[in-house]
Amino acid sequence: MKRITIAIDGHSSCGKSTMAKDLAREIGYVYIDTGAMYRAVTLFALRAGLVSEAGIDEANLRRRMGDIAISFRLNTETGRPDTYLGDECVEREIRSLEVSQHVSRVAALAFVREAMVDQQRLMGKAKGVIMDGRDIGTVVFPDAELKVFVTASAAIRAQRRYDELRAKGEECDYDEILHNVEERDRIDSTREISPLRQAPDAIVLDNSHLSIEEQKQWLLEQYRRVAGEE
């Protein structure tokens, strides 16, 4: 069986990361959550006072990009990788609504994307890797053997995000989350640098009405087909 690169792109809150993590664990591949990388940059910028409702201090964020060390470490309890900012595990912090409200604007900055894409390409150089994000199949790995584009209705994605935050004990408002999902879609799809696009050779998965298990089985079948197991 050949080792391949798997690129999973799609809209926010449509379950890309869950699908990718489960498949990576099942087939023994390395999973890289590129969305978490941009969230970690956003968290760093928020903590440093470089991002607010008024805008982004681009000059200082550019100057401090060298201070942002992002890595992934396996969580032995969950069997999945956690995101680290320096030596701090920020897996919970980067999923907050505050980070979600600003991440698309930070990710749209050319110097941020350039730095993250360079890191992502290094991480996936040896193949046997699964990456999910917005531009993996179009920019980071345009030659990936398997490309998947995941989507779902904005209302369903907002409900999933609402349920996720409530399960963590966080107070949240569905309408605010729906607005955030729709606004992120708009920013991700219209930005000048690496906009969210379906690669011409990507397989589309609308998982609006699919269970996690059904999505997992579908993705496993696509992997087996491309990697030559069947």
Protein backbone atom coordinates (compact mmCIF):
# COMPACT_ATOMS: atom_id res chain seq x y z
CA MET A 1 0.00 0.00 0.00
CA LYS A 2 1.45 3.35 -1.02
CA ARG A 3 1.68 6.23 1.43
CA ILE A 4 -0.19 9.29 0.25
CA THR A 5 -1.00 12.86 1.20
CA ILE A 6 -4.63 13.52 2.13
CA ALA A 7 -5.92 17.10 1.92
CA ILE A 8 -9.26 17.91 3.55
CA ASP A 9 -10.65 21.40 2.98
CA GLY A 10 -14.00 22.96 3.70
CA HIS A 11 -16.08 25.44 5.63
CA SER A 12 -15.71 26.15 9.35
CA SER A 13 -17.41 23.88 11.88
CA CYS A 14 -18.23 21.14 9.37
CA GLY A 15 -16.34 18.37 11.15
CA LYS A 16 -13.15 18.30 9.05
CA SER A 17 -10.88 17.91 12.05
CA THR A 18 -12.89 15.09 13.61
CA MET A 19 -12.89 13.17 10.34
CA ALA A 20 -9.18 13.72 9.76
CA LYS A 21 -8.17 12.79 13.31
CA ASP A 22 -10.20 9.58 13.26
CA LEU A 23 -8.81 8.49 9.90
CA ALA A 24 -5.22 9.30 10.91
CA ARG A 25 -5.56 7.18 14.04
CA GLU A 26 -7.09 4.29 12.08
CA ILE A 27 -4.50 4.14 9.30
CA GLY A 28 -1.44 5.27 11.27
CA TYR A 29 -0.94 8.59 9.49
CA VAL A 30 0.25 11.90 10.97
CA TYR A 31 -2.59 14.38 11.44
CA ILE A 32 -1.97 18.12 11.19
CA ASP A 33 -4.78 20.55 12.06
CA THR A 34 -3.82 23.66 10.06
CA GLY A 35 -6.87 25.50 11.35
CA ALA A 36 -5.49 25.07 14.86
CA MET A 37 -2.25 26.70 13.71
CA TYR A 38 -4.09 29.84 12.60
CA ARG A 39 -6.13 29.77 15.78
CA ALA A 40 -2.92 29.59 17.81
CA VAL A 41 -1.54 32.64 15.98
CA THR A 42 -4.82 34.44 16.69
CA LEU A 43 -4.67 33.49 20.39
CA PHE A 44 -1.11 34.80 20.57
CA ALA A 45 -2.17 38.06 18.91
CA LEU A 46 -5.15 38.49 21.23
CA ARG A 47 -3.02 37.93 24.32
CA ALA A 48 -0.45 40.42 23.04
CA GLY A 49 -3.11 43.04 22.40
CA LEU A 50 -2.47 42.98 18.66
CA VAL A 51 -6.06 42.10 17.67
CA SER A 52 -9.28 43.84 18.67
CA GLU A 53 -12.62 44.83 17.21
CA ALA A 54 -10.87 47.96 15.93
CA GLY A 55 -8.48 45.95 13.78
CA ILE A 56 -5.11 44.19 13.70
CA ASP A 57 -1.73 45.71 14.51
CA GLU A 58 -0.18 44.12 11.43
CA ALA A 59 3.26 45.70 11.77
CA ASN A 60 3.81 44.37 15.28
CA LEU A 61 2.26 40.99 14.53
CA ARG A 62 4.59 40.60 11.54
CA ARG A 63 7.53 41.55 13.76
CA ARG A 64 6.56 38.97 16.40
CA MET A 65 5.83 36.02 14.10
CA GLY A 66 9.22 34.59 15.01
CA ASP A 67 8.06 34.35 18.64
CA ILE A 68 5.15 32.07 17.74
CA ALA A 69 6.17 28.42 18.17
CA ILE A 70 3.36 26.01 17.29
CA SER A 71 3.59 22.25 17.68
CA PHE A 72 1.38 19.20 18.07
CA ARG A 73 1.82 16.61 20.82
CA LEU A 74 -0.06 13.35 21.21
CA ASN A 75 -2.54 13.27 24.05
CA THR A 76 -2.21 9.73 25.42
CA GLU A 77 -5.69 9.89 27.00
CA THR A 78 -7.56 10.86 23.83
CA GLY A 79 -5.18 9.33 21.30
CA ARG A 80 -5.27 12.60 19.39
CA PRO A 81 -2.79 15.46 19.01
CA ASP A 82 -3.15 18.62 21.10
CA THR A 83 -2.05 22.06 19.94
CA TYR A 84 0.78 23.76 21.83
CA LEU A 85 1.78 27.40 21.79
CA GLY A 86 5.31 27.26 23.05
CA ASP A 87 5.15 24.86 26.00
CA GLU A 88 1.49 25.57 26.77
CA CYS A 89 -1.31 23.28 25.66
CA VAL A 90 -3.92 25.65 24.17
CA GLU A 91 -6.28 23.08 22.66
CA ARG A 92 -9.22 24.42 24.69
CA GLU A 93 -8.31 28.12 24.44
CA ILE A 94 -8.07 28.18 20.65
CA ARG A 95 -11.62 26.80 20.32
CA SER A 96 -13.17 29.75 22.18
CA LEU A 97 -15.72 32.00 20.50
CA GLU A 98 -13.36 34.97 20.93
CA VAL A 99 -10.69 33.27 18.82
CA SER A 100 -13.33 32.16 16.31
CA GLN A 101 -14.46 35.76 15.89
CA HIS A 102 -11.00 36.94 14.83
CA VAL A 103 -9.23 33.96 13.25
CA SER A 104 -10.45 34.53 9.68
CA ARG A 105 -9.05 38.07 9.65
CA VAL A 106 -5.71 36.95 11.04
CA ALA A 107 -5.54 34.01 8.63
CA ALA A 108 -6.17 36.37 5.70
CA LEU A 109 -2.86 38.21 6.30
CA ALA A 110 -0.31 37.29 3.64
CA PHE A 111 2.67 37.10 6.03
CA VAL A 112 0.75 34.85 8.43
CA ARG A 113 -0.29 32.46 5.66
CA GLU A 114 3.21 32.39 4.21
CA ALA A 115 4.71 31.42 7.57
CA MET A 116 2.10 28.73 8.25
CA VAL A 117 2.20 27.24 4.74
CA ASP A 118 5.99 26.91 4.97
CA GLN A 119 5.61 24.99 8.24
CA GLN A 120 2.80 22.83 6.83
CA ARG A 121 4.80 21.82 3.77
CA LEU A 122 7.72 20.79 5.95
CA MET A 123 5.41 18.74 8.17
CA GLY A 124 3.95 16.89 5.20
CA LYS A 125 7.09 16.39 3.15
CA ALA A 126 7.43 12.68 3.96
CA LYS A 127 3.80 11.84 3.00
CA GLY A 128 1.68 9.57 5.18
CA VAL A 129 -0.01 12.74 6.40
CA ILE A 130 -3.54 14.09 6.69
CA MET A 131 -4.02 17.85 6.74
CA ASP A 132 -7.23 19.82 7.01
CA GLY A 133 -7.86 23.51 6.51
CA ARG A 134 -9.02 25.97 3.87
CA ASP A 135 -6.30 25.82 1.21
CA ILE A 136 -4.59 22.45 1.61
CA GLY A 137 -5.65 20.98 -1.72
CA THR A 138 -5.29 24.26 -3.62
CA VAL A 139 -2.16 25.84 -2.16
CA VAL A 140 -0.30 23.75 0.42
CA PHE A 141 -0.46 20.37 -1.35
CA PRO A 142 -1.94 20.87 -4.84
CA ASP A 143 -0.53 17.46 -5.81
CA ALA A 144 -2.15 15.56 -2.93
CA GLU A 145 -3.35 12.14 -4.06
CA LEU A 146 -6.66 12.46 -2.19
CA LYS A 147 -8.51 15.75 -1.86
CA VAL A 148 -11.82 16.11 -0.05
CA PHE A 149 -13.98 19.24 0.21
CA VAL A 150 -16.38 19.13 3.17
CA THR A 151 -19.43 21.33 3.58
CA ALA A 152 -22.75 21.57 5.42
CA SER A 153 -25.46 24.20 5.81
CA ALA A 154 -24.56 27.22 7.94
CA ALA A 155 -27.48 26.54 10.31
CA ILE A 156 -26.35 22.98 10.99
CA ARG A 157 -22.73 24.03 11.45
CA ALA A 158 -23.79 26.73 13.92
CA GLN A 159 -25.87 24.20 15.88
CA ARG A 160 -22.90 21.82 16.07
CA ARG A 161 -20.67 24.63 17.33
CA TYR A 162 -23.32 25.69 19.86
CA ASP A 163 -23.65 22.13 21.17
CA GLU A 164 -19.87 21.76 21.37
CA LEU A 165 -19.43 24.93 23.43
CA ARG A 166 -22.34 24.09 25.74
CA ALA A 167 -20.87 20.63 26.31
CA LYS A 168 -17.72 22.35 27.54
CA GLY A 169 -19.77 24.39 30.00
CA GLU A 170 -19.43 27.67 28.08
CA GLU A 171 -22.27 30.17 27.87
CA CYS A 172 -23.09 30.98 24.25
CA ASP A 173 -25.79 32.35 21.97
CA TYR A 174 -26.89 30.43 18.87
CA ASP A 175 -27.64 33.54 16.80
CA GLU A 176 -24.21 34.97 17.58
CA ILE A 177 -22.56 31.70 16.54
CA LEU A 178 -24.59 31.55 13.31
CA HIS A 179 -23.52 35.09 12.47
CA ASN A 180 -19.91 34.12 13.17
CA VAL A 181 -20.15 31.05 10.90
CA GLU A 182 -21.66 33.08 8.05
CA GLU A 183 -19.12 35.87 8.48
CA ARG A 184 -16.21 33.40 8.48
CA ASP A 185 -17.57 31.85 5.28
CA ARG A 186 -17.66 35.29 3.68
CA ILE A 187 -14.14 36.24 4.76
CA ASP A 188 -12.64 32.84 3.94
CA SER A 189 -14.19 32.79 0.44
CA THR A 190 -13.43 36.39 -0.56
CA ARG A 191 -9.95 37.03 0.84
CA GLU A 192 -7.24 37.82 -1.69
CA ILE A 193 -4.67 35.38 -0.32
CA SER A 194 -5.51 31.65 -0.61
CA PRO A 195 -9.31 31.96 -0.53
CA LEU A 196 -11.44 28.95 0.37
CA ARG A 197 -12.02 27.10 -2.90
CA GLN A 198 -12.89 23.57 -3.90
CA ALA A 199 -9.98 22.09 -5.84
CA PRO A 200 -11.11 20.89 -9.30
CA ASP A 201 -10.10 17.32 -8.46
CA ALA A 202 -11.55 17.28 -4.93
CA ILE A 203 -14.38 14.96 -3.90
CA VAL A 204 -17.26 16.87 -2.28
CA LEU A 205 -18.84 15.63 0.94
CA ASP A 206 -21.96 17.40 2.20
CA ASN A 207 -22.29 15.99 5.71
CA SER A 208 -25.33 18.04 6.78
CA HIS A 209 -27.29 14.88 7.52
CA LEU A 210 -24.54 12.30 8.09
CA SER A 211 -23.49 10.85 11.43
CA ILE A 212 -19.85 10.92 12.50
CA GLU A 213 -19.67 7.17 11.92
CA GLU A 214 -21.08 7.51 8.39
CA GLN A 215 -18.56 10.25 7.58
CA LYS A 216 -15.74 8.15 8.98
CA GLN A 217 -16.70 5.13 6.86
CA TRP A 218 -17.04 7.27 3.72
CA LEU A 219 -13.58 8.80 4.18
CA LEU A 220 -11.99 5.42 4.91
CA GLU A 221 -13.45 4.06 1.67
CA GLN A 222 -11.99 6.99 -0.30
CA TYR A 223 -8.58 6.43 1.26
CA ARG A 224 -8.61 2.71 0.45
CA ARG A 225 -9.61 3.42 -3.13
CA VAL A 226 -6.80 5.91 -3.72
CA ALA A 227 -4.09 4.15 -1.70
CA GLY A 228 -4.81 0.90 -3.52
CA GLU A 229 -6.11 -1.26 -0.69
CA GLU A 230 -9.12 -2.33 -2.72
